[in-house]
PDB file of N, CA and C in Angstrom:
ATOM      1  N   LYS A   1       0.831  -1.194   0.000  1.00  0.00           N
ATOM      2  CA  LYS A   1       0.000   0.000   0.000  1.00  0.00           C
ATOM      3  C   LYS A   1       0.876   1.260   0.000  1.00  0.00           C
ATOM      4  N   LYS A   2       1.925   1.235   0.803  1.00  0.00           N
ATOM      5  CA  LYS A   2       2.827   2.382   0.880  1.00  0.00           C
ATOM      6  C   LYS A   2       3.541   2.601  -0.459  1.00  0.00           C
ATOM      7  N   ALA A   3       3.975   1.502  -1.088  1.00  0.00           N
ATOM      8  CA  ALA A   3       4.645   1.603  -2.391  1.00  0.00           C
ATOM      9  C   ALA A   3       3.703   2.183  -3.436  1.00  0.00           C
ATOM     10  N   ARG A   4       2.444   1.815  -3.358  1.00  0.00           N
ATOM     11  CA  ARG A   4       1.450   2.341  -4.304  1.00  0.00           C
ATOM     12  C   ARG A   4       1.310   3.853  -4.147  1.00  0.00           C
ATOM     13  N   LYS A   5       1.258   4.323  -2.906  1.00  0.00           N
ATOM     14  CA  LYS A   5       1.144   5.765  -2.662  1.00  0.00           C
ATOM     15  C   LYS A   5       2.372   6.501  -3.187  1.00  0.00           C
ATOM     16  N   ILE A   6       3.533   5.908  -2.998  1.00  0.00           N
ATOM     17  CA  ILE A   6       4.763   6.537  -3.496  1.00  0.00           C
ATOM     18  C   ILE A   6       4.724   6.621  -5.017  1.00  0.00           C
ATOM     19  N   ARG A   7       4.307   5.524  -5.686  1.00  0.00           N
ATOM     20  CA  ARG A   7       4.184   5.527  -7.151  1.00  0.00           C
ATOM     21  C   ARG A   7       3.205   6.592  -7.616  1.00  0.00           C
ATOM     22  N   GLU A   8       2.063   6.696  -6.926  1.00  0.00           N
ATOM     23  CA  GLU A   8       1.058   7.695  -7.302  1.00  0.00           C
ATOM     24  C   GLU A   8       1.614   9.101  -7.162  1.00  0.00           C
ATOM     25  N   ARG A   9       2.366   9.366  -6.088  1.00  0.00           N
ATOM     26  CA  ARG A   9       2.969  10.691  -5.908  1.00  0.00           C
ATOM     27  C   ARG A   9       3.975  10.990  -7.009  1.00  0.00           C
ATOM     28  N   LYS A  10       4.769   9.996  -7.379  1.00  0.00           N
ATOM     29  CA  LYS A  10       5.746  10.187  -8.455  1.00  0.00           C
ATOM     30  C   LYS A  10       5.044  10.497  -9.767  1.00  0.00           C
ATOM     31  N   MET A  11       3.974   9.780 -10.063  1.00  0.00           N
ATOM     32  CA  MET A  11       3.230  10.023 -11.303  1.00  0.00           C
ATOM     33  C   MET A  11       2.628  11.426 -11.303  1.00  0.00           C
ATOM     34  N   ARG A  12       2.069  11.848 -10.181  1.00  0.00           N
ATOM     35  CA  ARG A  12       1.528  13.210 -10.093  1.00  0.00           C
ATOM     36  C   ARG A  12       2.634  14.222 -10.324  1.00  0.00           C
ATOM     37  N   GLY A  13       3.797  13.970  -9.729  1.00  0.00           N
ATOM     38  CA  GLY A  13       4.932  14.868  -9.910  1.00  0.00           C
ATOM     39  C   GLY A  13       5.372  14.943 -11.354  1.00  0.00           C
ATOM     40  N   MET A  14       5.359  13.793 -12.059  1.00  0.00           N
ATOM     41  CA  MET A  14       5.731  13.798 -13.473  1.00  0.00           C
ATOM     42  C   MET A  14       4.710  14.571 -14.288  1.00  0.00           C
ATOM     43  N   ARG A  15       3.424  14.425 -13.958  1.00  0.00           N
ATOM     44  CA  ARG A  15       2.399  15.171 -14.696  1.00  0.00           C
ATOM     45  C   ARG A  15       2.574  16.669 -14.465  1.00  0.00           C
ATOM     46  N   VAL A  16       2.830  17.052 -13.213  1.00  0.00           N
ATOM     47  CA  VAL A  16       3.038  18.467 -12.913  1.00  0.00           C
ATOM     48  C   VAL A  16       4.274  18.965 -13.641  1.00  0.00           C
ATOM     49  N   SER A  17       5.364  18.187 -13.592  1.00  0.00           N
ATOM     50  CA  SER A  17       6.593  18.600 -14.266  1.00  0.00           C
ATOM     51  C   SER A  17       6.380  18.761 -15.758  1.00  0.00           C
ATOM     52  N   SER A  18       5.662  17.827 -16.366  1.00  0.00           N
ATOM     53  CA  SER A  18       5.461  17.942 -17.806  1.00  0.00           C
ATOM     54  C   SER A  18       4.598  19.147 -18.127  1.00  0.00           C
ATOM     55  N   TRP A  19       3.585  19.402 -17.327  1.00  0.00           N
ATOM     56  CA  TRP A  19       2.735  20.562 -17.556  1.00  0.00           C
ATOM     57  C   TRP A  19       3.534  21.844 -17.375  1.00  0.00           C
ATOM     58  N   VAL A  20       4.378  21.883 -16.335  1.00  0.00           N
ATOM     59  CA  VAL A  20       5.211  23.061 -16.087  1.00  0.00           C
ATOM     60  C   VAL A  20       6.105  23.336 -17.287  1.00  0.00           C
ATOM     61  N   GLY A  21       6.773  22.311 -17.758  1.00  0.00           N
ATOM     62  CA  GLY A  21       7.675  22.495 -18.888  1.00  0.00           C
ATOM     63  C   GLY A  21       6.967  22.947 -20.139  1.00  0.00           C
ATOM     64  N   ILE A  22       5.830  22.381 -20.379  1.00  0.00           N
ATOM     65  CA  ILE A  22       5.082  22.738 -21.579  1.00  0.00           C
ATOM     66  C   ILE A  22       4.543  24.151 -21.477  1.00  0.00           C
ATOM     67  N   VAL A  23       4.063  24.528 -20.307  1.00  0.00           N
ATOM     68  CA  VAL A  23       3.595  25.902 -20.125  1.00  0.00           C
ATOM     69  C   VAL A  23       4.744  26.866 -20.374  1.00  0.00           C
ATOM     70  N   LEU A  24       5.886  26.582 -19.783  1.00  0.00           N
ATOM     71  CA  LEU A  24       7.016  27.480 -19.972  1.00  0.00           C
ATOM     72  C   LEU A  24       7.557  27.429 -21.388  1.00  0.00           C
ATOM     73  N   LEU A  25       7.390  26.309 -22.043  1.00  0.00           N
ATOM     74  CA  LEU A  25       7.790  26.227 -23.446  1.00  0.00           C
ATOM     75  C   LEU A  25       7.040  27.267 -24.262  1.00  0.00           C
ATOM     76  N   LEU A  26       5.802  27.495 -23.923  1.00  0.00           N
ATOM     77  CA  LEU A  26       4.999  28.464 -24.662  1.00  0.00           C
ATOM     78  C   LEU A  26       5.168  29.892 -24.186  1.00  0.00           C
ATOM     79  N   VAL A  27       5.723  30.075 -23.011  1.00  0.00           N
ATOM     80  CA  VAL A  27       5.867  31.418 -22.466  1.00  0.00           C
ATOM     81  C   VAL A  27       6.592  32.340 -23.432  1.00  0.00           C
ATOM     82  N   VAL A  28       7.546  31.797 -24.145  1.00  0.00           N
ATOM     83  CA  VAL A  28       8.373  32.645 -24.998  1.00  0.00           C
ATOM     84  C   VAL A  28       7.926  32.659 -26.451  1.00  0.00           C
ATOM     85  N   VAL A  29       6.793  32.081 -26.734  1.00  0.00           N
ATOM     86  CA  VAL A  29       6.273  32.096 -28.100  1.00  0.00           C
ATOM     87  C   VAL A  29       5.635  33.452 -28.371  1.00  0.00           C
ATOM     88  N   VAL A  30       5.931  34.025 -29.501  1.00  0.00           N
ATOM     89  CA  VAL A  30       5.343  35.311 -29.869  1.00  0.00           C
ATOM     90  C   VAL A  30       3.826  35.162 -29.975  1.00  0.00           C
ATOM     91  N   PRO A  31       3.079  36.063 -29.361  1.00  0.00           N
ATOM     92  CA  PRO A  31       1.621  35.953 -29.447  1.00  0.00           C
ATOM     93  C   PRO A  31       1.141  36.034 -30.893  1.00  0.00           C
ATOM     94  N   LEU A  32       0.185  35.199 -31.203  1.00  0.00           N
ATOM     95  CA  LEU A  32      -0.427  35.225 -32.527  1.00  0.00           C
ATOM     96  C   LEU A  32      -1.492  36.314 -32.566  1.00  0.00           C
ATOM     97  N   PRO A  33      -1.831  36.848 -33.735  1.00  0.00           N
ATOM     98  CA  PRO A  33      -2.845  37.902 -33.804  1.00  0.00           C
ATOM     99  C   PRO A  33      -4.159  37.518 -33.137  1.00  0.00           C
ATOM    100  N   SER A  34      -4.603  36.285 -33.306  1.00  0.00           N
ATOM    101  CA  SER A  34      -5.867  35.906 -32.676  1.00  0.00           C
ATOM    102  C   SER A  34      -5.734  35.857 -31.163  1.00  0.00           C
ATOM    103  N   ALA A  35      -4.522  35.586 -30.655  1.00  0.00           N
ATOM    104  CA  ALA A  35      -4.333  35.594 -29.210  1.00  0.00           C
ATOM    105  C   ALA A  35      -4.454  37.014 -28.675  1.00  0.00           C
ATOM    106  N   ILE A  36      -3.968  37.957 -29.419  1.00  0.00           N
ATOM    107  CA  ILE A  36      -4.058  39.355 -29.002  1.00  0.00           C
ATOM    108  C   ILE A  36      -5.513  39.798 -28.969  1.00  0.00           C
ATOM    109  N   ASN A  37      -6.296  39.340 -29.919  1.00  0.00           N
ATOM    110  CA  ASN A  37      -7.711  39.703 -29.966  1.00  0.00           C
ATOM    111  C   ASN A  37      -8.541  38.964 -28.931  1.00  0.00           C
ATOM    112  N   GLY A  38      -7.988  37.897 -28.341  1.00  0.00           N
ATOM    113  CA  GLY A  38      -8.688  37.165 -27.305  1.00  0.00           C
ATOM    114  C   GLY A  38      -9.911  36.420 -27.801  1.00  0.00           C
ATOM    115  N   ASP A  39      -9.818  35.776 -28.949  1.00  0.00           N
ATOM    116  CA  ASP A  39     -10.995  35.120 -29.501  1.00  0.00           C
ATOM    117  C   ASP A  39     -11.037  33.614 -29.241  1.00  0.00           C
ATOM    118  N   MET A  40     -10.306  33.131 -28.258  1.00  0.00           N
ATOM    119  CA  MET A  40     -10.324  31.708 -27.918  1.00  0.00           C
ATOM    120  C   MET A  40     -11.303  31.473 -26.768  1.00  0.00           C
ATOM    121  N   SER A  41     -12.154  30.471 -26.924  1.00  0.00           N
ATOM    122  CA  SER A  41     -13.085  30.121 -25.850  1.00  0.00           C
ATOM    123  C   SER A  41     -12.346  29.254 -24.828  1.00  0.00           C
ATOM    124  N   PRO A  42     -12.870  29.145 -23.612  1.00  0.00           N
ATOM    125  CA  PRO A  42     -12.234  28.279 -22.615  1.00  0.00           C
ATOM    126  C   PRO A  42     -12.089  26.832 -23.097  1.00  0.00           C
ATOM    127  N   SER A  43     -13.075  26.324 -23.796  1.00  0.00           N
ATOM    128  CA  SER A  43     -12.972  24.937 -24.272  1.00  0.00           C
ATOM    129  C   SER A  43     -11.916  24.807 -25.371  1.00  0.00           C
ATOM    130  N   GLN A  44     -11.782  25.820 -26.218  1.00  0.00           N
ATOM    131  CA  GLN A  44     -10.736  25.790 -27.247  1.00  0.00           C
ATOM    132  C   GLN A  44      -9.352  25.835 -26.597  1.00  0.00           C
ATOM    133  N   CYS A  45      -9.213  26.683 -25.579  1.00  0.00           N
ATOM    134  CA  CYS A  45      -7.932  26.769 -24.869  1.00  0.00           C
ATOM    135  C   CYS A  45      -7.596  25.444 -24.197  1.00  0.00           C
ATOM    136  N   LYS A  46      -8.571  24.844 -23.569  1.00  0.00           N
ATOM    137  CA  LYS A  46      -8.341  23.561 -22.898  1.00  0.00           C
ATOM    138  C   LYS A  46      -7.865  22.518 -23.901  1.00  0.00           C
ATOM    139  N   GLU A  47      -8.475  22.485 -25.067  1.00  0.00           N
ATOM    140  CA  GLU A  47      -8.077  21.531 -26.105  1.00  0.00           C
ATOM    141  C   GLU A  47      -6.669  21.840 -26.614  1.00  0.00           C
ATOM    142  N   GLU A  48      -6.345  23.115 -26.792  1.00  0.00           N
ATOM    143  CA  GLU A  48      -4.993  23.476 -27.235  1.00  0.00           C
ATOM    144  C   GLU A  48      -3.953  23.039 -26.212  1.00  0.00           C
ATOM    145  N   ARG A  49      -4.235  23.255 -24.934  1.00  0.00           N
ATOM    146  CA  ARG A  49      -3.291  22.836 -23.893  1.00  0.00           C
ATOM    147  C   ARG A  49      -3.118  21.320 -23.899  1.00  0.00           C
ATOM    148  N   ARG A  50      -4.198  20.585 -24.080  1.00  0.00           N
ATOM    149  CA  ARG A  50      -4.131  19.122 -24.109  1.00  0.00           C
ATOM    150  C   ARG A  50      -3.267  18.649 -25.286  1.00  0.00           C
ATOM    151  N   LEU A  51      -3.499  19.223 -26.456  1.00  0.00           N
ATOM    152  CA  LEU A  51      -2.723  18.849 -27.640  1.00  0.00           C
ATOM    153  C   LEU A  51      -1.242  19.182 -27.462  1.00  0.00           C
ATOM    154  N   LEU A  52      -0.984  20.338 -26.889  1.00  0.00           N
ATOM    155  CA  LEU A  52       0.397  20.756 -26.651  1.00  0.00           C
ATOM    156  C   LEU A  52       1.085  19.814 -25.674  1.00  0.00           C
ATOM    157  N   GLU A  53       0.410  19.508 -24.590  1.00  0.00           N
ATOM    158  CA  GLU A  53       1.000  18.614 -23.595  1.00  0.00           C
ATOM    159  C   GLU A  53       1.318  17.253 -24.213  1.00  0.00           C
ATOM    160  N   ASN A  54       0.400  16.710 -24.970  1.00  0.00           N
ATOM    161  CA  ASN A  54       0.631  15.400 -25.592  1.00  0.00           C
ATOM    162  C   ASN A  54       1.785  15.438 -26.588  1.00  0.00           C
ATOM    163  N   ALA A  55       1.864  16.490 -27.380  1.00  0.00           N
ATOM    164  CA  ALA A  55       2.908  16.573 -28.411  1.00  0.00           C
ATOM    165  C   ALA A  55       4.290  16.835 -27.826  1.00  0.00           C
ATOM    166  N   CYS A  56       4.355  17.577 -26.728  1.00  0.00           N
ATOM    167  CA  CYS A  56       5.652  18.038 -26.216  1.00  0.00           C
ATOM    168  C   CYS A  56       6.131  17.340 -24.945  1.00  0.00           C
ATOM    169  N   ARG A  57       5.398  16.391 -24.445  1.00  0.00           N
ATOM    170  CA  ARG A  57       5.787  15.709 -23.206  1.00  0.00           C
ATOM    171  C   ARG A  57       7.230  15.194 -23.227  1.00  0.00           C
ATOM    172  N   PRO A  58       7.737  14.594 -24.316  1.00  0.00           N
ATOM    173  CA  PRO A  58       9.115  14.082 -24.310  1.00  0.00           C
ATOM    174  C   PRO A  58      10.176  15.161 -24.063  1.00  0.00           C
ATOM    175  N   VAL A  59       9.881  16.407 -24.373  1.00  0.00           N
ATOM    176  CA  VAL A  59      10.836  17.500 -24.154  1.00  0.00           C
ATOM    177  C   VAL A  59      11.173  17.611 -22.671  1.00  0.00           C
ATOM    178  N   ILE A  60      10.191  17.374 -21.824  1.00  0.00           N
ATOM    179  CA  ILE A  60      10.388  17.490 -20.385  1.00  0.00           C
ATOM    180  C   ILE A  60      11.384  16.447 -19.896  1.00  0.00           C
ATOM    181  N   PHE A  61      11.468  15.340 -20.585  1.00  0.00           N
ATOM    182  CA  PHE A  61      12.366  14.265 -20.178  1.00  0.00           C
ATOM    183  C   PHE A  61      13.684  14.305 -20.937  1.00  0.00           C
ATOM    184  N   GLY A  62      14.028  15.485 -21.455  1.00  0.00           N
ATOM    185  CA  GLY A  62      15.338  15.706 -22.042  1.00  0.00           C
ATOM    186  C   GLY A  62      15.454  15.482 -23.536  1.00  0.00           C
ATOM    187  N   GLN A  63      14.379  15.077 -24.193  1.00  0.00           N
ATOM    188  CA  GLN A  63      14.447  14.869 -25.638  1.00  0.00           C
ATOM    189  C   GLN A  63      14.294  16.197 -26.372  1.00  0.00           C
ATOM    190  N   ASN A  64      14.778  16.224 -27.599  1.00  0.00           N
ATOM    191  CA  ASN A  64      14.585  17.409 -28.429  1.00  0.00           C
ATOM    192  C   ASN A  64      13.131  17.472 -28.879  1.00  0.00           C
ATOM    193  N   PRO A  65      12.635  18.665 -29.166  1.00  0.00           N
ATOM    194  CA  PRO A  65      11.248  18.787 -29.629  1.00  0.00           C
ATOM    195  C   PRO A  65      11.051  18.040 -30.950  1.00  0.00           C
ATOM    196  N   SER A  66       9.968  17.297 -31.038  1.00  0.00           N
ATOM    197  CA  SER A  66       9.621  16.605 -32.283  1.00  0.00           C
ATOM    198  C   SER A  66       9.001  17.610 -33.247  1.00  0.00           C
ATOM    199  N   ALA A  67       8.819  17.189 -34.483  1.00  0.00           N
ATOM    200  CA  ALA A  67       8.144  18.048 -35.462  1.00  0.00           C
ATOM    201  C   ALA A  67       6.730  18.379 -34.990  1.00  0.00           C
ATOM    202  N   ASP A  68       6.042  17.396 -34.398  1.00  0.00           N
ATOM    203  CA  ASP A  68       4.687  17.638 -33.882  1.00  0.00           C
ATOM    204  C   ASP A  68       4.696  18.656 -32.749  1.00  0.00           C
ATOM    205  N   CYS A  69       5.673  18.532 -31.853  1.00  0.00           N
ATOM    206  CA  CYS A  69       5.777  19.479 -30.738  1.00  0.00           C
ATOM    207  C   CYS A  69       6.023  20.887 -31.274  1.00  0.00           C
ATOM    208  N   CYS A  70       6.976  21.010 -32.185  1.00  0.00           N
ATOM    209  CA  CYS A  70       7.275  22.338 -32.737  1.00  0.00           C
ATOM    210  C   CYS A  70       6.054  22.938 -33.429  1.00  0.00           C
ATOM    211  N   GLN A  71       5.313  22.115 -34.134  1.00  0.00           N
ATOM    212  CA  GLN A  71       4.097  22.612 -34.786  1.00  0.00           C
ATOM    213  C   GLN A  71       3.104  23.122 -33.742  1.00  0.00           C
ATOM    214  N   ARG A  72       2.920  22.370 -32.662  1.00  0.00           N
ATOM    215  CA  ARG A  72       1.986  22.789 -31.605  1.00  0.00           C
ATOM    216  C   ARG A  72       2.459  24.097 -30.977  1.00  0.00           C
ATOM    217  N   VAL A  73       3.768  24.213 -30.753  1.00  0.00           N
ATOM    218  CA  VAL A  73       4.318  25.444 -30.172  1.00  0.00           C
ATOM    219  C   VAL A  73       4.017  26.626 -31.082  1.00  0.00           C
ATOM    220  N   ARG A  74       4.102  26.404 -32.378  1.00  0.00           N
ATOM    221  CA  ARG A  74       3.870  27.508 -33.321  1.00  0.00           C
ATOM    222  C   ARG A  74       2.406  27.924 -33.400  1.00  0.00           C
ATOM    223  N   VAL A  75       1.474  27.020 -33.141  1.00  0.00           N
ATOM    224  CA  VAL A  75       0.062  27.362 -33.332  1.00  0.00           C
ATOM    225  C   VAL A  75      -0.730  27.572 -32.041  1.00  0.00           C
ATOM    226  N   THR A  76      -0.189  27.172 -30.902  1.00  0.00           N
ATOM    227  CA  THR A  76      -0.930  27.325 -29.650  1.00  0.00           C
ATOM    228  C   THR A  76      -0.959  28.788 -29.237  1.00  0.00           C
ATOM    229  N   HIS A  77      -2.112  29.250 -28.821  1.00  0.00           N
ATOM    230  CA  HIS A  77      -2.307  30.649 -28.438  1.00  0.00           C
ATOM    231  C   HIS A  77      -1.785  30.905 -27.026  1.00  0.00           C
ATOM    232  N   VAL A  78      -0.977  31.933 -26.892  1.00  0.00           N
ATOM    233  CA  VAL A  78      -0.387  32.290 -25.610  1.00  0.00           C
ATOM    234  C   VAL A  78      -1.469  32.590 -24.575  1.00  0.00           C
ATOM    235  N   GLU A  79      -2.574  33.157 -24.990  1.00  0.00           N
ATOM    236  CA  GLU A  79      -3.654  33.485 -24.052  1.00  0.00           C
ATOM    237  C   GLU A  79      -4.182  32.246 -23.339  1.00  0.00           C
ATOM    238  N   CYS A  80      -3.978  31.091 -23.922  1.00  0.00           N
ATOM    239  CA  CYS A  80      -4.436  29.838 -23.315  1.00  0.00           C
ATOM    240  C   CYS A  80      -3.450  29.310 -22.284  1.00  0.00           C
ATOM    241  N   VAL A  81      -2.233  29.820 -22.305  1.00  0.00           N
ATOM    242  CA  VAL A  81      -1.178  29.296 -21.457  1.00  0.00           C
ATOM    243  C   VAL A  81      -0.773  30.261 -20.345  1.00  0.00           C
ATOM    244  N   CYS A  82      -0.660  31.530 -20.655  1.00  0.00           N
ATOM    245  CA  CYS A  82      -0.140  32.505 -19.694  1.00  0.00           C
ATOM    246  C   CYS A  82      -0.861  32.515 -18.343  1.00  0.00           C
ATOM    247  N   PRO A  83      -2.166  32.337 -18.289  1.00  0.00           N
ATOM    248  CA  PRO A  83      -2.812  32.342 -16.976  1.00  0.00           C
ATOM    249  C   PRO A  83      -2.286  31.264 -16.023  1.00  0.00           C
ATOM    250  N   TYR A  84      -1.614  30.258 -16.534  1.00  0.00           N
ATOM    251  CA  TYR A  84      -1.109  29.166 -15.704  1.00  0.00           C
ATOM    252  C   TYR A  84       0.329  29.370 -15.243  1.00  0.00           C
ATOM    253  N   VAL A  85       0.959  30.444 -15.669  1.00  0.00           N
ATOM    254  CA  VAL A  85       2.361  30.665 -15.329  1.00  0.00           C
ATOM    255  C   VAL A  85       2.447  31.449 -14.022  1.00  0.00           C
ATOM    256  N   THR A  86       2.710  30.717 -12.956  1.00  0.00           N
ATOM    257  CA  THR A  86       2.861  31.301 -11.623  1.00  0.00           C
ATOM    258  C   THR A  86       4.338  31.288 -11.248  1.00  0.00           C
ATOM    259  N   PRO A  87       4.726  32.016 -10.209  1.00  0.00           N
ATOM    260  CA  PRO A  87       6.126  31.950  -9.773  1.00  0.00           C
ATOM    261  C   PRO A  87       6.562  30.516  -9.440  1.00  0.00           C
ATOM    262  N   LYS A  88       5.670  29.741  -8.845  1.00  0.00           N
ATOM    263  CA  LYS A  88       6.013  28.357  -8.497  1.00  0.00           C
ATOM    264  C   LYS A  88       6.291  27.539  -9.757  1.00  0.00           C
ATOM    265  N   LEU A  89       5.428  27.673 -10.757  1.00  0.00           N
ATOM    266  CA  LEU A  89       5.658  26.963 -12.016  1.00  0.00           C
ATOM    267  C   LEU A  89       6.972  27.395 -12.650  1.00  0.00           C
ATOM    268  N   ALA A  90       7.205  28.686 -12.678  1.00  0.00           N
ATOM    269  CA  ALA A  90       8.407  29.215 -13.324  1.00  0.00           C
ATOM    270  C   ALA A  90       9.677  28.729 -12.642  1.00  0.00           C
ATOM    271  N   SER A  91       9.612  28.519 -11.330  1.00  0.00           N
ATOM    272  CA  SER A  91      10.811  28.088 -10.606  1.00  0.00           C
ATOM    273  C   SER A  91      11.163  26.624 -10.855  1.00  0.00           C
ATOM    274  N   LEU A  92      10.229  25.852 -11.384  1.00  0.00           N
ATOM    275  CA  LEU A  92      10.468  24.422 -11.568  1.00  0.00           C
ATOM    276  C   LEU A  92      11.271  24.071 -12.817  1.00  0.00           C
ATOM    277  N   ILE A  93      11.345  24.982 -13.769  1.00  0.00           N
ATOM    278  CA  ILE A  93      12.114  24.693 -14.988  1.00  0.00           C
ATOM    279  C   ILE A  93      12.745  25.991 -15.475  1.00  0.00           C
ATOM    280  N   GLY A  94      13.934  25.930 -16.025  1.00  0.00           N
ATOM    281  CA  GLY A  94      14.661  27.131 -16.398  1.00  0.00           C
ATOM    282  C   GLY A  94      14.151  27.812 -17.650  1.00  0.00           C
ATOM    283  N   VAL A  95      14.075  29.128 -17.590  1.00  0.00           N
ATOM    284  CA  VAL A  95      13.642  29.908 -18.743  1.00  0.00           C
ATOM    285  C   VAL A  95      14.672  29.816 -19.865  1.00  0.00           C
ATOM    286  N   GLU A  96      15.953  29.811 -19.512  1.00  0.00           N
ATOM    287  CA  GLU A  96      17.010  29.733 -20.539  1.00  0.00           C
ATOM    288  C   GLU A  96      16.886  28.438 -21.347  1.00  0.00           C
ATOM    289  N   ARG A  97      16.648  27.325 -20.666  1.00  0.00           N
ATOM    290  CA  ARG A  97      16.477  26.040 -21.356  1.00  0.00           C
ATOM    291  C   ARG A  97      15.247  26.095 -22.256  1.00  0.00           C
ATOM    292  N   THR A  98      14.200  26.702 -21.750  1.00  0.00           N
ATOM    293  CA  THR A  98      12.963  26.812 -22.510  1.00  0.00           C
ATOM    294  C   THR A  98      13.181  27.628 -23.778  1.00  0.00           C
ATOM    295  N   ILE A  99      13.895  28.726 -23.652  1.00  0.00           N
ATOM    296  CA  ILE A  99      14.192  29.564 -24.818  1.00  0.00           C
ATOM    297  C   ILE A  99      14.965  28.759 -25.859  1.00  0.00           C
ATOM    298  N   LYS A 100      15.926  27.976 -25.401  1.00  0.00           N
ATOM    299  CA  LYS A 100      16.711  27.149 -26.324  1.00  0.00           C
ATOM    300  C   LYS A 100      15.805  26.179 -27.083  1.00  0.00           C
ATOM    301  N   LYS A 101      14.861  25.570 -26.392  1.00  0.00           N
ATOM    302  CA  LYS A 101      13.953  24.615 -27.041  1.00  0.00           C
ATOM    303  C   LYS A 101      13.067  25.324 -28.067  1.00  0.00           C
ATOM    304  N   ILE A 102      12.608  26.517 -27.745  1.00  0.00           N
ATOM    305  CA  ILE A 102      11.797  27.288 -28.691  1.00  0.00           C
ATOM    306  C   ILE A 102      12.612  27.582 -29.950  1.00  0.00           C
ATOM    307  N   GLN A 103      13.859  27.982 -29.748  1.00  0.00           N
ATOM    308  CA  GLN A 103      14.720  28.283 -30.889  1.00  0.00           C
ATOM    309  C   GLN A 103      14.974  27.041 -31.733  1.00  0.00           C
ATOM    310  N   GLU A 104      15.037  25.870 -31.100  1.00  0.00           N
ATOM    311  CA  GLU A 104      15.192  24.627 -31.850  1.00  0.00           C
ATOM    312  C   GLU A 104      13.984  24.371 -32.751  1.00  0.00           C
ATOM    313  N   CYS A 105      12.865  24.968 -32.406  1.00  0.00           N
ATOM    314  CA  CYS A 105      11.654  24.839 -33.230  1.00  0.00           C
ATOM    315  C   CYS A 105      11.605  25.897 -34.327  1.00  0.00           C
ATOM    316  N   GLY A 106      12.652  26.707 -34.430  1.00  0.00           N
ATOM    317  CA  GLY A 106      12.707  27.704 -35.489  1.00  0.00           C
ATOM    318  C   GLY A 106      11.997  29.002 -35.167  1.00  0.00           C
ATOM    319  N   ARG A 107      11.698  29.228 -33.911  1.00  0.00           N
ATOM    320  CA  ARG A 107      11.027  30.471 -33.507  1.00  0.00           C
ATOM    321  C   ARG A 107      12.034  31.448 -32.934  1.00  0.00           C
ATOM    322  N   THR A 108      11.810  32.718 -33.175  1.00  0.00           N
ATOM    323  CA  THR A 108      12.603  33.730 -32.499  1.00  0.00           C
ATOM    324  C   THR A 108      11.941  34.006 -31.153  1.00  0.00           C
ATOM    325  N   VAL A 109      12.735  34.403 -30.211  1.00  0.00           N
ATOM    326  CA  VAL A 109      12.236  34.649 -28.864  1.00  0.00           C
ATOM    327  C   VAL A 109      12.305  36.146 -28.584  1.00  0.00           C
ATOM    328  N   PRO A 110      11.169  36.772 -28.340  1.00  0.00           N
ATOM    329  CA  PRO A 110      11.186  38.211 -28.071  1.00  0.00           C
ATOM    330  C   PRO A 110      11.811  38.513 -26.713  1.00  0.00           C
ATOM    331  N   HIS A 111      12.542  39.603 -26.644  1.00  0.00           N
ATOM    332  CA  HIS A 111      13.106  40.043 -25.367  1.00  0.00           C
ATOM    333  C   HIS A 111      12.022  40.759 -24.572  1.00  0.00           C
ATOM    334  N   ASN A 112      12.073  40.582 -23.268  1.00  0.00           N
ATOM    335  CA  ASN A 112      11.156  41.260 -22.338  1.00  0.00           C
ATOM    336  C   ASN A 112       9.688  40.933 -22.582  1.00  0.00           C
ATOM    337  N   PHE A 113       9.413  39.727 -23.073  1.00  0.00           N
ATOM    338  CA  PHE A 113       8.030  39.297 -23.265  1.00  0.00           C
ATOM    339  C   PHE A 113       7.503  38.790 -21.932  1.00  0.00           C
ATOM    340  N   LYS A 114       6.353  39.299 -21.503  1.00  0.00           N
ATOM    341  CA  LYS A 114       5.780  38.922 -20.214  1.00  0.00           C
ATOM    342  C   LYS A 114       4.617  37.966 -20.420  1.00  0.00           C
ATOM    343  N   CYS A 115       4.678  36.864 -19.682  1.00  0.00           N
ATOM    344  CA  CYS A 115       3.603  35.873 -19.699  1.00  0.00           C
ATOM    345  C   CYS A 115       3.474  35.341 -18.283  1.00  0.00           C
ATOM    346  N   GLY A 116       2.353  35.618 -17.655  1.00  0.00           N
ATOM    347  CA  GLY A 116       2.199  35.222 -16.259  1.00  0.00           C
ATOM    348  C   GLY A 116       3.285  35.881 -15.432  1.00  0.00           C
ATOM    349  N   SER A 117       4.008  35.075 -14.655  1.00  0.00           N
ATOM    350  CA  SER A 117       5.046  35.626 -13.787  1.00  0.00           C
ATOM    351  C   SER A 117       6.430  35.612 -14.423  1.00  0.00           C
ATOM    352  N   VAL A 118       6.526  35.261 -15.683  1.00  0.00           N
ATOM    353  CA  VAL A 118       7.821  35.156 -16.356  1.00  0.00           C
ATOM    354  C   VAL A 118       7.981  36.276 -17.374  1.00  0.00           C
ATOM    355  N   THR A 119       9.167  36.873 -17.375  1.00  0.00           N
ATOM    356  CA  THR A 119       9.553  37.829 -18.413  1.00  0.00           C
ATOM    357  C   THR A 119      10.830  37.296 -19.034  1.00  0.00           C
ATOM    358  N   THR A 120      10.849  37.162 -20.351  1.00  0.00           N
ATOM    359  CA  THR A 120      12.039  36.616 -21.003  1.00  0.00           C
ATOM    360  C   THR A 120      13.174  37.624 -20.933  1.00  0.00           C
ATOM    361  N   PRO A 121      14.415  37.099 -20.891  1.00  0.00           N
ATOM    362  CA  PRO A 121      15.579  38.014 -20.829  1.00  0.00           C
ATOM    363  C   PRO A 121      15.767  38.764 -22.136  1.00  0.00           C
TER     364      PRO A 121
END
């Protein structure tokens, strides 16, 4: 029973870690015009986050972004992600590493872009 609880805690931690990494992966993505206009519904945002998490999960475990992950990073709306960026989330994974992963996807990273509690260098 104790081993089961430990396994469950580890799995929860991995889910949180993957979500943290994916959220921060998007922190440095340039906002798309539709994101600026705020035309995403809560259900659309939820679906975008789900697709992003599924496509980019391996990045959290040290792999390079796949073509699918990079595509999701390019099309996911920042407005769907920024509300989840808290200081606690930001402290769990490095912004510098995140910027590097974004650049590996062929995106430029804007300086001083603010998303939630993170501002890019």
